[in-house]
Amino acid sequence: MRRKILSALFLGFVFRCWAQGNGLAGINEATSVISSYFEPVLKLIYAIGAIIGLIGGVRVYSKFSSGDHDVGKTAAAWFGACIFLIVAGTVLRAFFF
């Protein structure tokens, strides 16, 4: 029993030493990889937002043309979503850089 406990402690010590070996370099590499993916993903988000914005604009126009009563609410939601998308991109850029 004692031999098993000592073996487990030694094995834990060895794994702990391996974990400390190159941690800072790994974190720096992960940071650079995430930073390199940020711009293309942000452009993709803006493109998706533009498509959704166009669809929302068509919905607002359709409701306005048909004389629907909740056009103001739909337009406010559409405008708020567009503003949120722009602000979210700016905040994410400030957070990562």
PDB file of N, CA and C in Angstrom:
ATOM      1  N   MET A   1       0.828  -1.190   0.000  1.00  0.00           N
ATOM      2  CA  MET A   1       0.000   0.000   0.000  1.00  0.00           C
ATOM      3  C   MET A   1       0.873   1.255   0.000  1.00  0.00           C
ATOM      4  N   ARG A   2       1.921   1.198   0.813  1.00  0.00           N
ATOM      5  CA  ARG A   2       2.820   2.344   0.901  1.00  0.00           C
ATOM      6  C   ARG A   2       3.533   2.590  -0.433  1.00  0.00           C
ATOM      7  N   ARG A   3       3.872   1.524  -1.092  1.00  0.00           N
ATOM      8  CA  ARG A   3       4.557   1.626  -2.378  1.00  0.00           C
ATOM      9  C   ARG A   3       3.652   2.290  -3.423  1.00  0.00           C
ATOM     10  N   LYS A   4       2.354   1.992  -3.413  1.00  0.00           N
ATOM     11  CA  LYS A   4       1.409   2.596  -4.350  1.00  0.00           C
ATOM     12  C   LYS A   4       1.259   4.096  -4.094  1.00  0.00           C
ATOM     13  N   ILE A   5       1.223   4.474  -2.831  1.00  0.00           N
ATOM     14  CA  ILE A   5       1.084   5.893  -2.499  1.00  0.00           C
ATOM     15  C   ILE A   5       2.318   6.667  -2.944  1.00  0.00           C
ATOM     16  N   LEU A   6       3.506   6.107  -2.679  1.00  0.00           N
ATOM     17  CA  LEU A   6       4.738   6.765  -3.093  1.00  0.00           C
ATOM     18  C   LEU A   6       4.843   6.849  -4.615  1.00  0.00           C
ATOM     19  N   SER A   7       4.405   5.813  -5.298  1.00  0.00           N
ATOM     20  CA  SER A   7       4.421   5.838  -6.763  1.00  0.00           C
ATOM     21  C   SER A   7       3.484   6.917  -7.301  1.00  0.00           C
ATOM     22  N   ALA A   8       2.313   7.041  -6.702  1.00  0.00           N
ATOM     23  CA  ALA A   8       1.357   8.055  -7.134  1.00  0.00           C
ATOM     24  C   ALA A   8       1.903   9.462  -6.882  1.00  0.00           C
ATOM     25  N   LEU A   9       2.541   9.683  -5.731  1.00  0.00           N
ATOM     26  CA  LEU A   9       3.130  10.991  -5.436  1.00  0.00           C
ATOM     27  C   LEU A   9       4.257  11.315  -6.407  1.00  0.00           C
ATOM     28  N   PHE A  10       5.110  10.348  -6.697  1.00  0.00           N
ATOM     29  CA  PHE A  10       6.210  10.571  -7.630  1.00  0.00           C
ATOM     30  C   PHE A  10       5.679  10.881  -9.025  1.00  0.00           C
ATOM     31  N   LEU A  11       4.667  10.139  -9.445  1.00  0.00           N
ATOM     32  CA  LEU A  11       4.080  10.373 -10.756  1.00  0.00           C
ATOM     33  C   LEU A  11       3.449  11.771 -10.834  1.00  0.00           C
ATOM     34  N   GLY A  12       2.772  12.193  -9.768  1.00  0.00           N
ATOM     35  CA  GLY A  12       2.203  13.534  -9.721  1.00  0.00           C
ATOM     36  C   GLY A  12       3.285  14.596  -9.789  1.00  0.00           C
ATOM     37  N   PHE A  13       4.411  14.374  -9.131  1.00  0.00           N
ATOM     38  CA  PHE A  13       5.530  15.312  -9.172  1.00  0.00           C
ATOM     39  C   PHE A  13       6.105  15.423 -10.576  1.00  0.00           C
ATOM     40  N   VAL A  14       6.226  14.307 -11.265  1.00  0.00           N
ATOM     41  CA  VAL A  14       6.763  14.319 -12.629  1.00  0.00           C
ATOM     42  C   VAL A  14       5.828  15.084 -13.564  1.00  0.00           C
ATOM     43  N   PHE A  15       4.530  14.834 -13.469  1.00  0.00           N
ATOM     44  CA  PHE A  15       3.582  15.545 -14.328  1.00  0.00           C
ATOM     45  C   PHE A  15       3.568  17.035 -14.016  1.00  0.00           C
ATOM     46  N   ARG A  16       3.738  17.379 -12.747  1.00  0.00           N
ATOM     47  CA  ARG A  16       3.765  18.790 -12.380  1.00  0.00           C
ATOM     48  C   ARG A  16       5.000  19.474 -12.970  1.00  0.00           C
ATOM     49  N   CYS A  17       6.107  18.808 -12.980  1.00  0.00           N
ATOM     50  CA  CYS A  17       7.320  19.378 -13.575  1.00  0.00           C
ATOM     51  C   CYS A  17       7.151  19.566 -15.074  1.00  0.00           C
ATOM     52  N   TRP A  18       6.497  18.632 -15.766  1.00  0.00           N
ATOM     53  CA  TRP A  18       6.252  18.781 -17.191  1.00  0.00           C
ATOM     54  C   TRP A  18       5.324  19.960 -17.472  1.00  0.00           C
ATOM     55  N   ALA A  19       4.356  20.154 -16.609  1.00  0.00           N
ATOM     56  CA  ALA A  19       3.389  21.227 -16.826  1.00  0.00           C
ATOM     57  C   ALA A  19       4.048  22.599 -16.708  1.00  0.00           C
ATOM     58  N   GLN A  20       5.094  22.721 -15.926  1.00  0.00           N
ATOM     59  CA  GLN A  20       5.740  24.007 -15.744  1.00  0.00           C
ATOM     60  C   GLN A  20       6.768  24.298 -16.823  1.00  0.00           C
ATOM     61  N   GLY A  21       7.046  23.353 -17.679  1.00  0.00           N
ATOM     62  CA  GLY A  21       8.125  23.485 -18.634  1.00  0.00           C
ATOM     63  C   GLY A  21       8.017  24.665 -19.581  1.00  0.00           C
ATOM     64  N   ASN A  22       6.951  24.766 -20.362  1.00  0.00           N
ATOM     65  CA  ASN A  22       6.883  25.776 -21.410  1.00  0.00           C
ATOM     66  C   ASN A  22       5.519  26.466 -21.397  1.00  0.00           C
ATOM     67  N   GLY A  23       5.014  26.782 -20.232  1.00  0.00           N
ATOM     68  CA  GLY A  23       3.674  27.348 -20.120  1.00  0.00           C
ATOM     69  C   GLY A  23       3.549  28.740 -20.680  1.00  0.00           C
ATOM     70  N   LEU A  24       4.528  29.595 -20.405  1.00  0.00           N
ATOM     71  CA  LEU A  24       4.454  30.973 -20.869  1.00  0.00           C
ATOM     72  C   LEU A  24       4.527  31.057 -22.390  1.00  0.00           C
ATOM     73  N   ALA A  25       5.361  30.241 -22.989  1.00  0.00           N
ATOM     74  CA  ALA A  25       5.446  30.234 -24.454  1.00  0.00           C
ATOM     75  C   ALA A  25       4.133  29.749 -25.065  1.00  0.00           C
ATOM     76  N   GLY A  26       3.498  28.780 -24.424  1.00  0.00           N
ATOM     77  CA  GLY A  26       2.207  28.294 -24.923  1.00  0.00           C
ATOM     78  C   GLY A  26       1.122  29.345 -24.826  1.00  0.00           C
ATOM     79  N   ILE A  27       1.118  30.094 -23.735  1.00  0.00           N
ATOM     80  CA  ILE A  27       0.124  31.162 -23.581  1.00  0.00           C
ATOM     81  C   ILE A  27       0.360  32.258 -24.617  1.00  0.00           C
ATOM     82  N   ASN A  28       1.614  32.619 -24.843  1.00  0.00           N
ATOM     83  CA  ASN A  28       1.916  33.639 -25.850  1.00  0.00           C
ATOM     84  C   ASN A  28       1.534  33.175 -27.253  1.00  0.00           C
ATOM     85  N   GLU A  29       1.759  31.912 -27.545  1.00  0.00           N
ATOM     86  CA  GLU A  29       1.378  31.378 -28.863  1.00  0.00           C
ATOM     87  C   GLU A  29      -0.135  31.374 -29.032  1.00  0.00           C
ATOM     88  N   ALA A  30      -0.852  30.986 -27.972  1.00  0.00           N
ATOM     89  CA  ALA A  30      -2.314  30.990 -28.043  1.00  0.00           C
ATOM     90  C   ALA A  30      -2.844  32.410 -28.238  1.00  0.00           C
ATOM     91  N   THR A  31      -2.222  33.371 -27.574  1.00  0.00           N
ATOM     92  CA  THR A  31      -2.634  34.772 -27.736  1.00  0.00           C
ATOM     93  C   THR A  31      -2.428  35.247 -29.164  1.00  0.00           C
ATOM     94  N   SER A  32      -1.302  34.889 -29.761  1.00  0.00           N
ATOM     95  CA  SER A  32      -1.056  35.325 -31.135  1.00  0.00           C
ATOM     96  C   SER A  32      -1.992  34.631 -32.116  1.00  0.00           C
ATOM     97  N   VAL A  33      -2.336  33.377 -31.863  1.00  0.00           N
ATOM     98  CA  VAL A  33      -3.265  32.666 -32.757  1.00  0.00           C
ATOM     99  C   VAL A  33      -4.656  33.288 -32.676  1.00  0.00           C
ATOM    100  N   ILE A  34      -5.111  33.574 -31.455  1.00  0.00           N
ATOM    101  CA  ILE A  34      -6.428  34.190 -31.292  1.00  0.00           C
ATOM    102  C   ILE A  34      -6.439  35.576 -31.930  1.00  0.00           C
ATOM    103  N   SER A  35      -5.363  36.321 -31.757  1.00  0.00           N
ATOM    104  CA  SER A  35      -5.285  37.662 -32.354  1.00  0.00           C
ATOM    105  C   SER A  35      -5.297  37.601 -33.877  1.00  0.00           C
ATOM    106  N   SER A  36      -4.685  36.584 -34.449  1.00  0.00           N
ATOM    107  CA  SER A  36      -4.673  36.478 -35.910  1.00  0.00           C
ATOM    108  C   SER A  36      -6.038  36.102 -36.472  1.00  0.00           C
ATOM    109  N   TYR A  37      -6.859  35.394 -35.706  1.00  0.00           N
ATOM    110  CA  TYR A  37      -8.202  35.026 -36.166  1.00  0.00           C
ATOM    111  C   TYR A  37      -9.218  36.129 -35.936  1.00  0.00           C
ATOM    112  N   PHE A  38      -8.877  37.127 -35.145  1.00  0.00           N
ATOM    113  CA  PHE A  38      -9.877  38.107 -34.728  1.00  0.00           C
ATOM    114  C   PHE A  38     -10.398  38.946 -35.891  1.00  0.00           C
ATOM    115  N   GLU A  39      -9.532  39.483 -36.708  1.00  0.00           N
ATOM    116  CA  GLU A  39      -9.966  40.358 -37.813  1.00  0.00           C
ATOM    117  C   GLU A  39     -10.871  39.636 -38.817  1.00  0.00           C
ATOM    118  N   PRO A  40     -10.515  38.432 -39.303  1.00  0.00           N
ATOM    119  CA  PRO A  40     -11.435  37.759 -40.234  1.00  0.00           C
ATOM    120  C   PRO A  40     -12.792  37.425 -39.605  1.00  0.00           C
ATOM    121  N   VAL A  41     -12.788  37.036 -38.335  1.00  0.00           N
ATOM    122  CA  VAL A  41     -14.057  36.719 -37.673  1.00  0.00           C
ATOM    123  C   VAL A  41     -14.885  37.985 -37.509  1.00  0.00           C
ATOM    124  N   LEU A  42     -14.243  39.089 -37.171  1.00  0.00           N
ATOM    125  CA  LEU A  42     -14.969  40.348 -37.025  1.00  0.00           C
ATOM    126  C   LEU A  42     -15.579  40.782 -38.361  1.00  0.00           C
ATOM    127  N   LYS A  43     -14.846  40.617 -39.450  1.00  0.00           N
ATOM    128  CA  LYS A  43     -15.395  40.951 -40.773  1.00  0.00           C
ATOM    129  C   LYS A  43     -16.557  40.030 -41.133  1.00  0.00           C
ATOM    130  N   LEU A  44     -16.468  38.760 -40.755  1.00  0.00           N
ATOM    131  CA  LEU A  44     -17.572  37.827 -40.991  1.00  0.00           C
ATOM    132  C   LEU A  44     -18.802  38.237 -40.193  1.00  0.00           C
ATOM    133  N   ILE A  45     -18.608  38.646 -38.950  1.00  0.00           N
ATOM    134  CA  ILE A  45     -19.729  39.097 -38.127  1.00  0.00           C
ATOM    135  C   ILE A  45     -20.373  40.336 -38.742  1.00  0.00           C
ATOM    136  N   TYR A  46     -19.559  41.265 -39.230  1.00  0.00           N
ATOM    137  CA  TYR A  46     -20.111  42.457 -39.874  1.00  0.00           C
ATOM    138  C   TYR A  46     -20.876  42.095 -41.148  1.00  0.00           C
ATOM    139  N   ALA A  47     -20.377  41.124 -41.913  1.00  0.00           N
ATOM    140  CA  ALA A  47     -21.074  40.710 -43.136  1.00  0.00           C
ATOM    141  C   ALA A  47     -22.416  40.057 -42.804  1.00  0.00           C
ATOM    142  N   ILE A  48     -22.418  39.207 -41.808  1.00  0.00           N
ATOM    143  CA  ILE A  48     -23.682  38.573 -41.390  1.00  0.00           C
ATOM    144  C   ILE A  48     -24.642  39.631 -40.873  1.00  0.00           C
ATOM    145  N   GLY A  49     -24.115  40.586 -40.116  1.00  0.00           N
ATOM    146  CA  GLY A  49     -24.955  41.673 -39.613  1.00  0.00           C
ATOM    147  C   GLY A  49     -25.527  42.526 -40.721  1.00  0.00           C
ATOM    148  N   ALA A  50     -24.741  42.747 -41.780  1.00  0.00           N
ATOM    149  CA  ALA A  50     -25.244  43.529 -42.911  1.00  0.00           C
ATOM    150  C   ALA A  50     -26.391  42.801 -43.612  1.00  0.00           C
ATOM    151  N   ILE A  51     -26.242  41.506 -43.773  1.00  0.00           N
ATOM    152  CA  ILE A  51     -27.312  40.724 -44.413  1.00  0.00           C
ATOM    153  C   ILE A  51     -28.564  40.736 -43.549  1.00  0.00           C
ATOM    154  N   ILE A  52     -28.393  40.538 -42.255  1.00  0.00           N
ATOM    155  CA  ILE A  52     -29.545  40.557 -41.356  1.00  0.00           C
ATOM    156  C   ILE A  52     -30.155  41.957 -41.306  1.00  0.00           C
ATOM    157  N   GLY A  53     -29.305  42.988 -41.382  1.00  0.00           N
ATOM    158  CA  GLY A  53     -29.814  44.355 -41.412  1.00  0.00           C
ATOM    159  C   GLY A  53     -30.654  44.634 -42.644  1.00  0.00           C
ATOM    160  N   LEU A  54     -30.203  44.140 -43.789  1.00  0.00           N
ATOM    161  CA  LEU A  54     -30.991  44.311 -45.017  1.00  0.00           C
ATOM    162  C   LEU A  54     -32.326  43.588 -44.921  1.00  0.00           C
ATOM    163  N   ILE A  55     -32.296  42.384 -44.383  1.00  0.00           N
ATOM    164  CA  ILE A  55     -33.551  41.635 -44.215  1.00  0.00           C
ATOM    165  C   ILE A  55     -34.480  42.371 -43.261  1.00  0.00           C
ATOM    166  N   GLY A  56     -33.920  42.918 -42.172  1.00  0.00           N
ATOM    167  CA  GLY A  56     -34.738  43.682 -41.225  1.00  0.00           C
ATOM    168  C   GLY A  56     -35.313  44.940 -41.852  1.00  0.00           C
ATOM    169  N   GLY A  57     -34.509  45.592 -42.687  1.00  0.00           N
ATOM    170  CA  GLY A  57     -35.007  46.780 -43.381  1.00  0.00           C
ATOM    171  C   GLY A  57     -36.160  46.450 -44.313  1.00  0.00           C
ATOM    172  N   VAL A  58     -36.066  45.331 -45.001  1.00  0.00           N
ATOM    173  CA  VAL A  58     -37.156  44.899 -45.887  1.00  0.00           C
ATOM    174  C   VAL A  58     -38.401  44.577 -45.063  1.00  0.00           C
ATOM    175  N   ARG A  59     -38.213  43.965 -43.892  1.00  0.00           N
ATOM    176  CA  ARG A  59     -39.366  43.674 -43.018  1.00  0.00           C
ATOM    177  C   ARG A  59     -40.048  44.944 -42.558  1.00  0.00           C
ATOM    178  N   VAL A  60     -39.254  45.939 -42.172  1.00  0.00           N
ATOM    179  CA  VAL A  60     -39.828  47.216 -41.724  1.00  0.00           C
ATOM    180  C   VAL A  60     -40.574  47.876 -42.880  1.00  0.00           C
ATOM    181  N   TYR A  61     -39.979  47.887 -44.054  1.00  0.00           N
ATOM    182  CA  TYR A  61     -40.636  48.482 -45.214  1.00  0.00           C
ATOM    183  C   TYR A  61     -41.932  47.749 -45.550  1.00  0.00           C
ATOM    184  N   SER A  62     -41.891  46.428 -45.457  1.00  0.00           N
ATOM    185  CA  SER A  62     -43.082  45.633 -45.745  1.00  0.00           C
ATOM    186  C   SER A  62     -44.210  45.962 -44.762  1.00  0.00           C
ATOM    187  N   LYS A  63     -43.869  46.064 -43.487  1.00  0.00           N
ATOM    188  CA  LYS A  63     -44.902  46.399 -42.495  1.00  0.00           C
ATOM    189  C   LYS A  63     -45.412  47.821 -42.696  1.00  0.00           C
ATOM    190  N   PHE A  64     -44.498  48.732 -43.051  1.00  0.00           N
ATOM    191  CA  PHE A  64     -44.908  50.118 -43.288  1.00  0.00           C
ATOM    192  C   PHE A  64     -45.837  50.210 -44.486  1.00  0.00           C
ATOM    193  N   SER A  65     -45.518  49.471 -45.553  1.00  0.00           N
ATOM    194  CA  SER A  65     -46.341  49.502 -46.765  1.00  0.00           C
ATOM    195  C   SER A  65     -47.708  48.881 -46.553  1.00  0.00           C
ATOM    196  N   SER A  66     -47.767  47.869 -45.699  1.00  0.00           N
ATOM    197  CA  SER A  66     -49.051  47.205 -45.479  1.00  0.00           C
ATOM    198  C   SER A  66     -49.911  47.918 -44.443  1.00  0.00           C
ATOM    199  N   GLY A  67     -49.366  48.942 -43.783  1.00  0.00           N
ATOM    200  CA  GLY A  67     -50.154  49.699 -42.813  1.00  0.00           C
ATOM    201  C   GLY A  67     -50.251  49.032 -41.459  1.00  0.00           C
ATOM    202  N   ASP A  68     -49.291  48.199 -41.130  1.00  0.00           N
ATOM    203  CA  ASP A  68     -49.294  47.520 -39.832  1.00  0.00           C
ATOM    204  C   ASP A  68     -49.066  48.543 -38.715  1.00  0.00           C
ATOM    205  N   HIS A  69     -49.631  48.282 -37.549  1.00  0.00           N
ATOM    206  CA  HIS A  69     -49.578  49.246 -36.456  1.00  0.00           C
ATOM    207  C   HIS A  69     -48.287  49.186 -35.637  1.00  0.00           C
ATOM    208  N   ASP A  70     -47.563  48.100 -35.686  1.00  0.00           N
ATOM    209  CA  ASP A  70     -46.350  47.999 -34.860  1.00  0.00           C
ATOM    210  C   ASP A  70     -45.070  48.240 -35.657  1.00  0.00           C
ATOM    211  N   VAL A  71     -45.129  49.145 -36.617  1.00  0.00           N
ATOM    212  CA  VAL A  71     -43.953  49.464 -37.430  1.00  0.00           C
ATOM    213  C   VAL A  71     -42.881  50.119 -36.572  1.00  0.00           C
ATOM    214  N   GLY A  72     -43.279  50.996 -35.684  1.00  0.00           N
ATOM    215  CA  GLY A  72     -42.319  51.698 -34.833  1.00  0.00           C
ATOM    216  C   GLY A  72     -41.539  50.741 -33.949  1.00  0.00           C
ATOM    217  N   LYS A  73     -42.226  49.758 -33.399  1.00  0.00           N
ATOM    218  CA  LYS A  73     -41.564  48.780 -32.541  1.00  0.00           C
ATOM    219  C   LYS A  73     -40.599  47.917 -33.346  1.00  0.00           C
ATOM    220  N   THR A  74     -40.994  47.510 -34.524  1.00  0.00           N
ATOM    221  CA  THR A  74     -40.123  46.698 -35.383  1.00  0.00           C
ATOM    222  C   THR A  74     -38.914  47.498 -35.844  1.00  0.00           C
ATOM    223  N   ALA A  75     -39.127  48.761 -36.205  1.00  0.00           N
ATOM    224  CA  ALA A  75     -38.016  49.606 -36.636  1.00  0.00           C
ATOM    225  C   ALA A  75     -37.049  49.876 -35.489  1.00  0.00           C
ATOM    226  N   ALA A  76     -37.570  50.073 -34.286  1.00  0.00           N
ATOM    227  CA  ALA A  76     -36.707  50.310 -33.125  1.00  0.00           C
ATOM    228  C   ALA A  76     -35.878  49.072 -32.804  1.00  0.00           C
ATOM    229  N   ALA A  77     -36.475  47.909 -32.910  1.00  0.00           N
ATOM    230  CA  ALA A  77     -35.740  46.674 -32.660  1.00  0.00           C
ATOM    231  C   ALA A  77     -34.665  46.457 -33.713  1.00  0.00           C
ATOM    232  N   TRP A  78     -34.984  46.740 -34.954  1.00  0.00           N
ATOM    233  CA  TRP A  78     -34.010  46.595 -36.038  1.00  0.00           C
ATOM    234  C   TRP A  78     -32.852  47.563 -35.857  1.00  0.00           C
ATOM    235  N   PHE A  79     -33.149  48.819 -35.544  1.00  0.00           N
ATOM    236  CA  PHE A  79     -32.117  49.829 -35.343  1.00  0.00           C
ATOM    237  C   PHE A  79     -31.255  49.479 -34.117  1.00  0.00           C
ATOM    238  N   GLY A  80     -31.877  49.009 -33.044  1.00  0.00           N
ATOM    239  CA  GLY A  80     -31.136  48.605 -31.844  1.00  0.00           C
ATOM    240  C   GLY A  80     -30.202  47.444 -32.114  1.00  0.00           C
ATOM    241  N   ALA A  81     -30.639  46.500 -32.933  1.00  0.00           N
ATOM    242  CA  ALA A  81     -29.783  45.365 -33.279  1.00  0.00           C
ATOM    243  C   ALA A  81     -28.578  45.817 -34.088  1.00  0.00           C
ATOM    244  N   CYS A  82     -28.776  46.756 -34.987  1.00  0.00           N
ATOM    245  CA  CYS A  82     -27.646  47.286 -35.777  1.00  0.00           C
ATOM    246  C   CYS A  82     -26.651  48.013 -34.891  1.00  0.00           C
ATOM    247  N   ILE A  83     -27.137  48.825 -33.977  1.00  0.00           N
ATOM    248  CA  ILE A  83     -26.258  49.542 -33.054  1.00  0.00           C
ATOM    249  C   ILE A  83     -25.513  48.555 -32.153  1.00  0.00           C
ATOM    250  N   PHE A  84     -26.207  47.530 -31.667  1.00  0.00           N
ATOM    251  CA  PHE A  84     -25.565  46.530 -30.821  1.00  0.00           C
ATOM    252  C   PHE A  84     -24.442  45.828 -31.564  1.00  0.00           C
ATOM    253  N   LEU A  85     -24.646  45.512 -32.814  1.00  0.00           N
ATOM    254  CA  LEU A  85     -23.613  44.820 -33.588  1.00  0.00           C
ATOM    255  C   LEU A  85     -22.359  45.678 -33.725  1.00  0.00           C
ATOM    256  N   ILE A  86     -22.539  46.949 -33.995  1.00  0.00           N
ATOM    257  CA  ILE A  86     -21.385  47.844 -34.126  1.00  0.00           C
ATOM    258  C   ILE A  86     -20.670  48.007 -32.789  1.00  0.00           C
ATOM    259  N   VAL A  87     -21.422  48.208 -31.724  1.00  0.00           N
ATOM    260  CA  VAL A  87     -20.824  48.389 -30.402  1.00  0.00           C
ATOM    261  C   VAL A  87     -20.142  47.106 -29.937  1.00  0.00           C
ATOM    262  N   ALA A  88     -20.752  45.959 -30.204  1.00  0.00           N
ATOM    263  CA  ALA A  88     -20.146  44.692 -29.790  1.00  0.00           C
ATOM    264  C   ALA A  88     -18.810  44.471 -30.485  1.00  0.00           C
ATOM    265  N   GLY A  89     -18.712  44.804 -31.761  1.00  0.00           N
ATOM    266  CA  GLY A  89     -17.438  44.682 -32.465  1.00  0.00           C
ATOM    267  C   GLY A  89     -16.372  45.592 -31.886  1.00  0.00           C
ATOM    268  N   THR A  90     -16.771  46.809 -31.532  1.00  0.00           N
ATOM    269  CA  THR A  90     -15.822  47.756 -30.948  1.00  0.00           C
ATOM    270  C   THR A  90     -15.360  47.301 -29.570  1.00  0.00           C
ATOM    271  N   VAL A  91     -16.281  46.809 -28.771  1.00  0.00           N
ATOM    272  CA  VAL A  91     -15.934  46.345 -27.420  1.00  0.00           C
ATOM    273  C   VAL A  91     -15.034  45.100 -27.501  1.00  0.00           C
ATOM    274  N   LEU A  92     -15.345  44.184 -28.401  1.00  0.00           N
ATOM    275  CA  LEU A  92     -14.496  43.006 -28.547  1.00  0.00           C
ATOM    276  C   LEU A  92     -13.092  43.382 -29.009  1.00  0.00           C
ATOM    277  N   ARG A  93     -12.985  44.330 -29.900  1.00  0.00           N
ATOM    278  CA  ARG A  93     -11.671  44.787 -30.358  1.00  0.00           C
ATOM    279  C   ARG A  93     -10.893  45.397 -29.185  1.00  0.00           C
ATOM    280  N   ALA A  94     -11.575  46.198 -28.366  1.00  0.00           N
ATOM    281  CA  ALA A  94     -10.906  46.801 -27.208  1.00  0.00           C
ATOM    282  C   ALA A  94     -10.523  45.735 -26.173  1.00  0.00           C
ATOM    283  N   PHE A  95     -11.333  44.692 -26.052  1.00  0.00           N
ATOM    284  CA  PHE A  95     -11.065  43.642 -25.073  1.00  0.00           C
ATOM    285  C   PHE A  95      -9.861  42.796 -25.477  1.00  0.00           C
ATOM    286  N   PHE A  96      -9.747  42.476 -26.759  1.00  0.00           N
ATOM    287  CA  PHE A  96      -8.672  41.589 -27.208  1.00  0.00           C
ATOM    288  C   PHE A  96      -7.381  42.334 -27.543  1.00  0.00           C
ATOM    289  N   PHE A  97      -7.449  43.636 -27.781  1.00  0.00           N
ATOM    290  CA  PHE A  97      -6.224  44.351 -28.152  1.00  0.00           C
ATOM    291  C   PHE A  97      -5.951  45.454 -27.202  1.00  0.00           C
TER     292      PHE A  97
END
